Amino acid sequence: MPNAIDTHADAVNEKVVYQNPLLFLKVWELHGAERIRRATDAWHWHYHKEVEFLAIIEGGLEVQTMSSLTMLGPGDVMVIGSSRPHRTWSAAGKPVRYIVFQVDLVRHFDQSILPYLHHFSELTGPLEDLNYIFEASPSARNEAHALIADIYEETYRGRTGYEIAVSASIKRLLLLMLRGDDRGVLRGTEEAGIVRMRPVLDYVESRLGEKIAVDDVRRLLGMSYHHFIKTFKRTMGIPFVDYVNFNRIKKAERLLLTTDLSIMEVSFEVGIWNMAQFYKLFKRHNQHSPKEFRQRMRN
């Protein structure tokens, strides 16, 4: 096995272009004979901020990460964590057919499931540590494979409401991993931590159009500035400022799609009064400017 630690240093940071900017995903099917593994193939290492799922349909695929070299066969599933260098080969250069599903999981945590965000934040470890679930449980492996295949089919058929179907399948994948984690990889924070943060979450939700200062929200919990910052990130799996900006941009997306407000008016409605900052944050979350986002989705 090639030395992963020596070879992944030159990994390419891939930019994933989403097929639907509201779903934050790319899914496609690969088939044919991939190249054969060689120890000198350091250039083929790559990574991306999106989590990647692989679902094998026919043939065999070798997948190398920084910590393992795995052989996958028909029906097998593998998850690779965010920004984790990896590379693949077909088994012995023979034809292989499989689905690649890349998704920014964080974007699929709406208000209803936000309390579980901290489980999947990868602050304590990569999601690829969950692959034991698919290896040990045939039922979990089969269900995950079916969900990934469904996401692929729904995306490419594009029937009315496919976005609902895809979102539902992604949430089912999250639930499958959460409930199947017998080893406690997704330890997260105790439920009491989420309950304690509820006043802060409600405060942010109700004041997205206003200035939100850390001093205002930390007083709700009677915490010092530094204690609040540390506790919020540990509990929610995301820094407080990033959490606020994430919610501002999600609201901006809704306004762009459902109203005729100008870009500037939308920016003001979500509490961002600097247009340059609004464009910067929006493109960070969507890879498109607000104008491009509105035109693409309405078309």
Foldseek 3Di string as FASTA:
>chain_A
DAQLVVQQPQAAEDDDADPALLFQKDKDKDKDFFDDDDNPPSHQKYFYQWKKKKAWAAAWKWKDWNPDIDIDHHLAMFIWFGRTIMGMGTVVRGMTMMMMMTGNLLSLCDPVRLQLQQLQLQPPHGPRVLSVLRVVDVVLSNLLNVLSVLLHVLSVVVPPPSSVSNSVSSVVNVVSSVVSCPVCSSVADDPVLVVLCVVVVVVLLVPQLADDDLVVSVVVNPDDSVVVQVSCCRRRVDGPVVVSLSSLLVQLLVCLQPHPDDNCVSCNRRHHNDSVVVQVSNCVSRVDGSVVSSVVVVD
